[in-house]
PDB file of N, CA and C in Angstrom:
ATOM      1  N   UNK A   1      29.004 -24.133   1.466  1.00  0.00           N
ATOM      2  CA  UNK A   1      28.158 -23.391   2.538  1.00  0.00           C
ATOM      3  C   UNK A   1      27.869 -22.129   2.532  1.00  0.00           C
ATOM      4  N   UNK A   2      28.698 -21.281   1.976  1.00  0.00           N
ATOM      5  CA  UNK A   2      28.435 -19.973   1.761  1.00  0.00           C
ATOM      6  C   UNK A   2      27.239 -19.535   0.900  1.00  0.00           C
ATOM      7  N   UNK A   3      27.104 -20.556  -0.172  1.00  0.00           N
ATOM      8  CA  UNK A   3      25.913 -20.322  -0.963  1.00  0.00           C
ATOM      9  C   UNK A   3      24.633 -20.481  -0.274  1.00  0.00           C
ATOM     10  N   UNK A   4      24.536 -21.548   0.543  1.00  0.00           N
ATOM     11  CA  UNK A   4      23.470 -21.884   1.476  1.00  0.00           C
ATOM     12  C   UNK A   4      23.085 -20.720   2.193  1.00  0.00           C
ATOM     13  N   UNK A   5      24.147 -20.052   2.869  1.00  0.00           N
ATOM     14  CA  UNK A   5      23.896 -18.744   3.977  1.00  0.00           C
ATOM     15  C   UNK A   5      23.272 -17.593   3.034  1.00  0.00           C
ATOM     16  N   UNK A   6      24.000 -17.579   1.767  1.00  0.00           N
ATOM     17  CA  UNK A   6      23.326 -16.305   0.916  1.00  0.00           C
ATOM     18  C   UNK A   6      22.051 -16.541   0.644  1.00  0.00           C
ATOM     19  N   UNK A   7      21.477 -17.661   0.264  1.00  0.00           N
ATOM     20  CA  UNK A   7      20.183 -18.048  -0.258  1.00  0.00           C
ATOM     21  C   UNK A   7      19.111 -17.849   1.017  1.00  0.00           C
ATOM     22  N   UNK A   8      19.795 -18.327   2.107  1.00  0.00           N
ATOM     23  CA  UNK A   8      18.888 -18.173   3.492  1.00  0.00           C
ATOM     24  C   UNK A   8      18.759 -16.740   3.603  1.00  0.00           C
ATOM     25  N   UNK A   9      19.819 -16.015   3.520  1.00  0.00           N
ATOM     26  CA  UNK A   9      19.949 -14.277   4.049  1.00  0.00           C
ATOM     27  C   UNK A   9      18.790 -13.919   2.823  1.00  0.00           C
ATOM     28  N   UNK A  10      19.014 -14.109   1.661  1.00  0.00           N
ATOM     29  CA  UNK A  10      18.188 -13.556   0.681  1.00  0.00           C
ATOM     30  C   UNK A  10      16.778 -13.894   0.997  1.00  0.00           C
ATOM     31  N   UNK A  11      16.385 -15.209   1.220  1.00  0.00           N
ATOM     32  CA  UNK A  11      14.965 -15.507   1.618  1.00  0.00           C
ATOM     33  C   UNK A  11      14.338 -14.579   2.903  1.00  0.00           C
ATOM     34  N   UNK A  12      15.356 -14.439   3.781  1.00  0.00           N
ATOM     35  CA  UNK A  12      14.871 -13.588   5.014  1.00  0.00           C
ATOM     36  C   UNK A  12      14.930 -12.258   4.551  1.00  0.00           C
ATOM     37  N   UNK A  13      15.546 -11.580   3.606  1.00  0.00           N
ATOM     38  CA  UNK A  13      15.383 -10.286   3.264  1.00  0.00           C
ATOM     39  C   UNK A  13      13.986 -10.161   2.356  1.00  0.00           C
ATOM     40  N   UNK A  14      13.899 -11.246   1.436  1.00  0.00           N
ATOM     41  CA  UNK A  14      12.638 -11.060   0.893  1.00  0.00           C
ATOM     42  C   UNK A  14      11.282 -11.154   1.753  1.00  0.00           C
ATOM     43  N   UNK A  15      11.360 -11.918   2.776  1.00  0.00           N
ATOM     44  CA  UNK A  15      10.214 -11.981   3.697  1.00  0.00           C
ATOM     45  C   UNK A  15      10.016 -10.669   4.493  1.00  0.00           C
ATOM     46  N   UNK A  16      11.165 -10.014   4.953  1.00  0.00           N
ATOM     47  CA  UNK A  16      11.044  -8.632   5.718  1.00  0.00           C
ATOM     48  C   UNK A  16      10.583  -7.706   4.774  1.00  0.00           C
ATOM     49  N   UNK A  17      10.953  -7.743   3.433  1.00  0.00           N
ATOM     50  CA  UNK A  17      10.582  -6.735   2.460  1.00  0.00           C
ATOM     51  C   UNK A  17       8.889  -6.960   2.226  1.00  0.00           C
ATOM     52  N   UNK A  18       8.518  -8.142   2.100  1.00  0.00           N
ATOM     53  CA  UNK A  18       7.177  -8.521   2.012  1.00  0.00           C
ATOM     54  C   UNK A  18       6.428  -8.024   3.022  1.00  0.00           C
ATOM     55  N   UNK A  19       6.851  -8.112   4.266  1.00  0.00           N
ATOM     56  CA  UNK A  19       6.170  -7.720   5.547  1.00  0.00           C
ATOM     57  C   UNK A  19       6.016  -6.198   5.693  1.00  0.00           C
ATOM     58  N   UNK A  20       7.115  -5.456   5.214  1.00  0.00           N
ATOM     59  CA  UNK A  20       7.020  -3.950   5.109  1.00  0.00           C
ATOM     60  C   UNK A  20       6.006  -3.511   4.123  1.00  0.00           C
ATOM     61  N   UNK A  21       5.964  -4.352   2.805  1.00  0.00           N
ATOM     62  CA  UNK A  21       4.988  -3.896   1.828  1.00  0.00           C
ATOM     63  C   UNK A  21       3.537  -4.060   2.267  1.00  0.00           C
ATOM     64  N   UNK A  22       3.303  -5.279   3.009  1.00  0.00           N
ATOM     65  CA  UNK A  22       1.978  -5.525   3.481  1.00  0.00           C
ATOM     66  C   UNK A  22       1.628  -4.513   4.474  1.00  0.00           C
ATOM     67  N   UNK A  23       2.338  -4.179   5.383  1.00  0.00           N
ATOM     68  CA  UNK A  23       2.104  -3.024   6.254  1.00  0.00           C
ATOM     69  C   UNK A  23       1.705  -1.728   5.628  1.00  0.00           C
ATOM     70  N   UNK A  24       2.516  -1.365   4.528  1.00  0.00           N
ATOM     71  CA  UNK A  24       2.352  -0.156   3.766  1.00  0.00           C
ATOM     72  C   UNK A  24       0.927  -0.335   3.050  1.00  0.00           C
ATOM     73  N   UNK A  25       0.685  -1.541   2.615  1.00  0.00           N
ATOM     74  CA  UNK A  25      -0.570  -1.878   1.921  1.00  0.00           C
ATOM     75  C   UNK A  25      -1.794  -1.586   2.956  1.00  0.00           C
ATOM     76  N   UNK A  26      -1.769  -2.018   4.058  1.00  0.00           N
ATOM     77  CA  UNK A  26      -2.574  -1.770   5.085  1.00  0.00           C
ATOM     78  C   UNK A  26      -2.794  -0.302   5.336  1.00  0.00           C
ATOM     79  N   UNK A  27      -1.773   0.419   5.415  1.00  0.00           N
ATOM     80  CA  UNK A  27      -1.841   1.905   5.781  1.00  0.00           C
ATOM     81  C   UNK A  27      -2.505   2.740   4.437  1.00  0.00           C
ATOM     82  N   UNK A  28      -2.001   2.144   3.422  1.00  0.00           N
ATOM     83  CA  UNK A  28      -2.791   2.931   2.152  1.00  0.00           C
ATOM     84  C   UNK A  28      -4.419   2.576   2.129  1.00  0.00           C
ATOM     85  N   UNK A  29      -4.575   1.352   2.444  1.00  0.00           N
ATOM     86  CA  UNK A  29      -5.980   1.146   2.339  1.00  0.00           C
ATOM     87  C   UNK A  29      -6.698   1.800   3.466  1.00  0.00           C
ATOM     88  N   UNK A  30      -6.167   1.758   4.490  1.00  0.00           N
ATOM     89  CA  UNK A  30      -6.947   2.691   5.635  1.00  0.00           C
ATOM     90  C   UNK A  30      -7.006   4.173   5.335  1.00  0.00           C
ATOM     91  N   UNK A  31      -6.094   4.708   4.856  1.00  0.00           N
ATOM     92  CA  UNK A  31      -6.109   6.086   4.353  1.00  0.00           C
ATOM     93  C   UNK A  31      -6.978   6.415   3.162  1.00  0.00           C
ATOM     94  N   UNK A  32      -7.139   5.406   2.293  1.00  0.00           N
ATOM     95  CA  UNK A  32      -8.014   5.656   1.223  1.00  0.00           C
ATOM     96  C   UNK A  32      -9.536   5.473   1.801  1.00  0.00           C
ATOM     97  N   UNK A  33      -9.854   4.634   2.526  1.00  0.00           N
ATOM     98  CA  UNK A  33     -11.213   4.564   3.370  1.00  0.00           C
ATOM     99  C   UNK A  33     -11.473   5.742   3.954  1.00  0.00           C
ATOM    100  N   UNK A  34     -10.419   6.413   4.802  1.00  0.00           N
ATOM    101  CA  UNK A  34     -10.620   7.539   5.634  1.00  0.00           C
ATOM    102  C   UNK A  34     -11.067   8.788   4.443  1.00  0.00           C
ATOM    103  N   UNK A  35     -10.212   8.805   3.538  1.00  0.00           N
ATOM    104  CA  UNK A  35     -10.547  10.118   2.495  1.00  0.00           C
ATOM    105  C   UNK A  35     -11.961   9.829   1.923  1.00  0.00           C
ATOM    106  N   UNK A  36     -12.143   8.619   1.478  1.00  0.00           N
ATOM    107  CA  UNK A  36     -13.456   8.444   0.913  1.00  0.00           C
ATOM    108  C   UNK A  36     -14.628   8.772   1.884  1.00  0.00           C
ATOM    109  N   UNK A  37     -14.468   8.189   3.028  1.00  0.00           N
ATOM    110  CA  UNK A  37     -15.749   8.367   4.080  1.00  0.00           C
ATOM    111  C   UNK A  37     -15.878   9.879   4.308  1.00  0.00           C
ATOM    112  N   UNK A  38     -14.496  10.477   4.564  1.00  0.00           N
ATOM    113  CA  UNK A  38     -14.629  11.890   4.780  1.00  0.00           C
ATOM    114  C   UNK A  38     -15.093  12.641   3.540  1.00  0.00           C
ATOM    115  N   UNK A  39     -15.076  12.516   2.598  1.00  0.00           N
ATOM    116  CA  UNK A  39     -15.414  13.064   1.393  1.00  0.00           C
ATOM    117  C   UNK A  39     -16.929  13.061   1.133  1.00  0.00           C
ATOM    118  N   UNK A  40     -17.313  11.756   1.573  1.00  0.00           N
ATOM    119  CA  UNK A  40     -18.688  11.575   1.605  1.00  0.00           C
ATOM    120  C   UNK A  40     -19.570  12.503   2.489  1.00  0.00           C
ATOM    121  N   UNK A  41     -19.217  12.863   3.646  1.00  0.00           N
ATOM    122  CA  UNK A  41     -19.761  13.588   4.705  1.00  0.00           C
ATOM    123  C   UNK A  41     -19.598  15.036   4.314  1.00  0.00           C
ATOM    124  N   UNK A  42     -18.746  15.363   3.404  1.00  0.00           N
ATOM    125  CA  UNK A  42     -18.667  16.937   3.001  1.00  0.00           C
ATOM    126  C   UNK A  42     -19.823  17.306   2.134  1.00  0.00           C
ATOM    127  N   UNK A  43     -20.553  18.173   2.518  1.00  0.00           N
ATOM    128  CA  UNK A  43     -21.696  18.680   1.595  1.00  0.00           C
ATOM    129  C   UNK A  43     -21.520  20.094   1.212  1.00  0.00           C
ATOM    130  N   UNK A  44     -20.762  20.922   1.846  1.00  0.00           N
ATOM    131  CA  UNK A  44     -20.662  22.400   1.699  1.00  0.00           C
ATOM    132  C   UNK A  44     -19.520  22.833   1.054  1.00  0.00           C
ATOM    133  N   UNK A  45     -18.552  21.975   0.795  1.00  0.00           N
ATOM    134  CA  UNK A  45     -16.991  22.466   0.107  1.00  0.00           C
ATOM    135  C   UNK A  45     -16.755  21.357  -0.945  1.00  0.00           C
ATOM    136  N   UNK A  46     -17.240  21.656  -2.200  1.00  0.00           N
ATOM    137  CA  UNK A  46     -17.119  20.594  -3.265  1.00  0.00           C
ATOM    138  C   UNK A  46     -15.652  20.529  -3.719  1.00  0.00           C
ATOM    139  N   UNK A  47     -14.865  21.473  -3.477  1.00  0.00           N
ATOM    140  CA  UNK A  47     -13.394  21.713  -3.896  1.00  0.00           C
ATOM    141  C   UNK A  47     -12.589  20.586  -2.904  1.00  0.00           C
ATOM    142  N   UNK A  48     -12.980  20.774  -1.621  1.00  0.00           N
ATOM    143  CA  UNK A  48     -12.551  19.847  -0.546  1.00  0.00           C
ATOM    144  C   UNK A  48     -12.653  18.549  -0.822  1.00  0.00           C
ATOM    145  N   UNK A  49     -14.001  18.118  -1.123  1.00  0.00           N
ATOM    146  CA  UNK A  49     -14.609  17.047  -1.505  1.00  0.00           C
ATOM    147  C   UNK A  49     -13.765  16.358  -2.601  1.00  0.00           C
ATOM    148  N   UNK A  50     -13.535  17.277  -3.663  1.00  0.00           N
ATOM    149  CA  UNK A  50     -12.833  16.511  -4.906  1.00  0.00           C
ATOM    150  C   UNK A  50     -11.436  16.291  -4.494  1.00  0.00           C
ATOM    151  N   UNK A  51     -10.631  17.140  -3.723  1.00  0.00           N
ATOM    152  CA  UNK A  51      -9.241  16.942  -3.165  1.00  0.00           C
ATOM    153  C   UNK A  51      -9.265  15.639  -2.380  1.00  0.00           C
ATOM    154  N   UNK A  52     -10.200  15.447  -1.552  1.00  0.00           N
ATOM    155  CA  UNK A  52     -10.063  14.164  -0.744  1.00  0.00           C
ATOM    156  C   UNK A  52     -10.360  12.753  -1.683  1.00  0.00           C
ATOM    157  N   UNK A  53     -11.223  12.902  -2.696  1.00  0.00           N
ATOM    158  CA  UNK A  53     -11.604  11.868  -3.573  1.00  0.00           C
ATOM    159  C   UNK A  53     -10.109  11.647  -4.343  1.00  0.00           C
ATOM    160  N   UNK A  54      -9.542  12.697  -4.897  1.00  0.00           N
ATOM    161  CA  UNK A  54      -8.189  12.640  -5.480  1.00  0.00           C
ATOM    162  C   UNK A  54      -7.018  11.904  -4.485  1.00  0.00           C
ATOM    163  N   UNK A  55      -7.172  12.252  -3.342  1.00  0.00           N
ATOM    164  CA  UNK A  55      -6.262  11.602  -2.310  1.00  0.00           C
ATOM    165  C   UNK A  55      -6.590  10.102  -2.439  1.00  0.00           C
ATOM    166  N   UNK A  56      -7.741   9.852  -2.180  1.00  0.00           N
ATOM    167  CA  UNK A  56      -8.113   8.321  -2.336  1.00  0.00           C
ATOM    168  C   UNK A  56      -7.798   7.568  -3.594  1.00  0.00           C
ATOM    169  N   UNK A  57      -7.737   8.238  -4.627  1.00  0.00           N
ATOM    170  CA  UNK A  57      -7.484   7.724  -6.016  1.00  0.00           C
ATOM    171  C   UNK A  57      -5.847   7.531  -5.968  1.00  0.00           C
ATOM    172  N   UNK A  58      -5.296   8.309  -5.354  1.00  0.00           N
ATOM    173  CA  UNK A  58      -3.748   8.209  -5.175  1.00  0.00           C
ATOM    174  C   UNK A  58      -3.490   7.037  -4.433  1.00  0.00           C
ATOM    175  N   UNK A  59      -4.214   6.869  -3.424  1.00  0.00           N
ATOM    176  CA  UNK A  59      -4.004   5.588  -2.339  1.00  0.00           C
ATOM    177  C   UNK A  59      -4.340   4.345  -3.193  1.00  0.00           C
ATOM    178  N   UNK A  60      -5.498   4.399  -4.125  1.00  0.00           N
ATOM    179  CA  UNK A  60      -5.861   3.270  -4.751  1.00  0.00           C
ATOM    180  C   UNK A  60      -4.783   2.858  -5.660  1.00  0.00           C
ATOM    181  N   UNK A  61      -4.001   3.696  -6.369  1.00  0.00           N
ATOM    182  CA  UNK A  61      -3.112   3.424  -7.411  1.00  0.00           C
ATOM    183  C   UNK A  61      -1.665   2.819  -6.592  1.00  0.00           C
ATOM    184  N   UNK A  62      -1.475   3.501  -5.329  1.00  0.00           N
ATOM    185  CA  UNK A  62      -0.321   2.958  -4.758  1.00  0.00           C
ATOM    186  C   UNK A  62      -0.738   1.502  -4.067  1.00  0.00           C
ATOM    187  N   UNK A  63      -2.101   1.305  -3.779  1.00  0.00           N
ATOM    188  CA  UNK A  63      -2.339   0.056  -3.268  1.00  0.00           C
ATOM    189  C   UNK A  63      -2.120  -1.034  -4.381  1.00  0.00           C
ATOM    190  N   UNK A  64      -2.665  -0.609  -5.652  1.00  0.00           N
ATOM    191  CA  UNK A  64      -2.382  -1.611  -6.676  1.00  0.00           C
ATOM    192  C   UNK A  64      -0.796  -1.922  -6.990  1.00  0.00           C
ATOM    193  N   UNK A  65      -0.150  -1.095  -6.695  1.00  0.00           N
ATOM    194  CA  UNK A  65       1.290  -0.950  -7.039  1.00  0.00           C
ATOM    195  C   UNK A  65       2.061  -1.995  -5.992  1.00  0.00           C
ATOM    196  N   UNK A  66       1.415  -1.807  -4.606  1.00  0.00           N
ATOM    197  CA  UNK A  66       1.945  -2.520  -3.653  1.00  0.00           C
ATOM    198  C   UNK A  66       1.571  -4.008  -3.737  1.00  0.00           C
ATOM    199  N   UNK A  67       0.238  -4.351  -4.275  1.00  0.00           N
ATOM    200  CA  UNK A  67      -0.003  -5.689  -4.365  1.00  0.00           C
ATOM    201  C   UNK A  67       0.739  -6.284  -5.514  1.00  0.00           C
ATOM    202  N   UNK A  68       0.820  -5.593  -6.590  1.00  0.00           N
ATOM    203  CA  UNK A  68       1.920  -6.173  -7.603  1.00  0.00           C
ATOM    204  C   UNK A  68       3.416  -6.645  -7.111  1.00  0.00           C
ATOM    205  N   UNK A  69       3.825  -5.622  -6.159  1.00  0.00           N
ATOM    206  CA  UNK A  69       5.066  -5.919  -5.613  1.00  0.00           C
ATOM    207  C   UNK A  69       5.140  -7.138  -4.921  1.00  0.00           C
ATOM    208  N   UNK A  70       4.033  -7.320  -3.948  1.00  0.00           N
ATOM    209  CA  UNK A  70       3.982  -8.404  -3.048  1.00  0.00           C
ATOM    210  C   UNK A  70       3.904  -9.648  -3.812  1.00  0.00           C
ATOM    211  N   UNK A  71       3.049  -9.503  -5.009  1.00  0.00           N
ATOM    212  CA  UNK A  71       2.962 -10.727  -5.789  1.00  0.00           C
ATOM    213  C   UNK A  71       4.221 -11.049  -6.516  1.00  0.00           C
ATOM    214  N   UNK A  72       5.116 -10.001  -6.864  1.00  0.00           N
ATOM    215  CA  UNK A  72       6.322 -10.369  -7.543  1.00  0.00           C
ATOM    216  C   UNK A  72       7.205 -11.010  -6.609  1.00  0.00           C
ATOM    217  N   UNK A  73       7.233 -10.555  -5.326  1.00  0.00           N
ATOM    218  CA  UNK A  73       8.090 -11.382  -4.407  1.00  0.00           C
ATOM    219  C   UNK A  73       7.708 -12.703  -4.145  1.00  0.00           C
ATOM    220  N   UNK A  74       6.349 -13.049  -4.097  1.00  0.00           N
ATOM    221  CA  UNK A  74       5.974 -14.247  -3.792  1.00  0.00           C
ATOM    222  C   UNK A  74       6.020 -15.444  -5.003  1.00  0.00           C
ATOM    223  N   UNK A  75       6.361 -14.831  -6.064  1.00  0.00           N
ATOM    224  CA  UNK A  75       6.711 -15.631  -7.222  1.00  0.00           C
ATOM    225  C   UNK A  75       7.855 -16.366  -7.368  1.00  0.00           C
TER     226      UNK A  75
END
């Protein structure tokens, strides 16, 4: 019986982790869009525009990592 409880608990923890990762994924995607939209609107400060694009690139990398982690949990 303890083994079944452990497996159930493990499944619950995986589901909670997956939910946290999905919420983080949404946040990263929102930030990425915000940075890109803001960068597109900047015309007078190329340095700031480039920094915002770099932020978006960092979000894209984290987004990919989060997707990979979610897929790993689902397997």
